[in-house]
């Protein structure tokens, strides 16, 4: 860092000029990032359900109905001549659309009872949109306004997975823009309060612009070679601004501290880079490693957050250790211009945070017991975590697709859009009709099955109805598939059980299964199966990084334990609120009894990284003081005094960013924002300000212990730029010393 500091000071104008060129290029090339990203990527492409879905489309031209019209008869009778004519006409019109592969309805299927509501006033038209997720979204955007109608005979509203997902994406994008408009002024005001000067308060925004625009450019390039989720943009803006504030606050505060000690600009920057700059680099590494763990999963949605997260973290770090010091070198003492208020200087041993550390270390056991008890109490609901996939209830009840799907859920006995598709593997010979008949009969008798459609006919609770012309869509003698229509919610434990039962049911030929419930089962398996590898990667690399910094095995282990305790409490609170439905009215969301399967892993990686972010900030200063004094108690108190205000200010500012995203009307975005805001606040105020000094006091000098072999390894390979500041002074040229 010493060499980098000298390079930055001497080449500051070249660095700033290069940064401006990069920002201009990133702004131009990355401005269209959204058009390069995908709205899909929520399943494992190697799973049974995904492979079966591809085969179903390629071999039979079939697939799930994802565009549904709910038709309500004007006289509450869908069998009335006028309603029937309107229904058939509507079906033919939709089937003729360029973006629709096929369309059937209650009327075109000879008044099929499952497609009529219980009271007979409504009926369904089922259609499948062609293309991948992005093409289906574009098709739904075009078709939905044209098929939302109110006529003399019937009223038509649009639902189905395709339209729901289109509205979820659109709502999330609108909420993101609103959150950004809300966040910027709030963060600006908070920075003015924290820094006290206008010039210093503007510096984090420079780092944020670099991180966000640079990540947009990165995602644009990646979007050309792999599938990247459009939802990664939410993380880019939130984390980009949050980490820019964190890192800038730490660097600028240390720089101002050095200036206040009487050092000239060059010496102040050198000292800042050797201490705060090194800490920021370590912090960025821990956050990046946590987010990189998402690459373990084969699901593009999760991997996209790794792409965006790692890019924005590294760019924020580059901005903080390269661009920001160059700006400070140009500004010099002028960083104090535009002063609004002046914080009284604290002497060593003074201040709230020193008093807090001393208070905790005087009675470490009671403080530790109370805080751990509180965290465990908060974490208890986590034991009953249930994960699933989101459905239409993730968006507000006022949106059209949600209202349509609610009506279908309440007024129809079966779940036509949630049908399982069972594709037969013919093997060496043809599949006999008798074999299909026997297998379909067994399927129709299963709990949770309303009807089975097959080449040999239609089956309800073991009874067979003869086939018709529509039965031809299930294939010929060489291969075939069956549609298993459930009478349970697809995204539920009952839906999962149905998939397991169908896959295990004895049959005369091999089969594979797809459909909404099958995707849920396979997605959970893909995440749970790779969860140990992801968690192990995060734990191991974090331990190694912290050991390289402090040369101790106790401190890294303590950090891992405290972070897990903090995150368990956060997850417990999220289960209590969003899964169990407490505060649903106040927060305006519909509880479904499950948490989105992707969110816990996303929150863990992001929150764990941010927790280690604050851990590194605090430990680096404690280690610096311990190297100076050799006194564990003094080092902890002084370290917390020097960083406590910075860490809590950074946590509050980051929480503001996440709370702004919690204003979203999409439940999973709301969960994400509230969960991460709670995580950083719990970590800053309960873990860093209370449990950490308590544990450090209880361990005493053992905090810095490591086996002799590891200490020798650390002496050779550890990072040693945190020598006592008196030693660091020797590295500063004589002309730059005070």
Foldseek 3Di string as FASTA:
>chain_A
DLVQLVVCLVCLVVLQVVLVVVLVVLCVLLVPLLVLAAADQQFQCPDLQNVVQVCCCVPQVDHFFFKKKKKFWPVLACPPPLNLVVVVVVLVVVQPDPFWSHKDWCNNVVNPPLQAFPSRGIGMMTIDGDDDLRNLLVVCVVVQVVQQDDDPTIGIHIAGNSNLSNVLVVLLVVLLVQLVVVQVVVQLVLLCVQVQANLLSCLLVSLLSQLLSQLSNQSSVVSVPDHAHSVLNSVSNLVSSLLSLQLSLQLVLQLVVVVVVPFWLSVSSSLSCLFSLVLLVLLLVLLLLLLCLLVLFSGNHSVNNSSSRNSSSVSSSCCSNRNSSSVCSVCIVVSCHRGRDDDDDDDQCDDDLLVLLVVCLVPVVVLQVVLLVLLVVLLVQVVVAFAWADDSQLFACPDRNNVVVVCCLPGGQWDSSQKKKKWFDQPPFWDDLVQVLVLLLVLQLDAFFQWKQALQAIYHNNDGDGDDPVNCSQDDRRIGMMITIGRDDCTDPVVLVSQVCSCPPDGPTHIGMHGSNSSGVNSLCSCVVCVVVSVVSSLVVQQVSVCLQQVANQLSVVLVVLLVSLLSSLSSNLCVPQQVPVCCVVLVGDHDNHAHSPQSSVLSSNLSSVLVSLVSQLVSQLSLVCLVPVFLSSSNSSSCVSCLSSLQSSLVSSLSSLCSQLNRSRNNSVSNSVSSNSSSNCSSPSPSSHNVSSVSSVCTPNRRDDPPVSSVVSVVRGDPSSHHVVVVVVVDDPVRGD
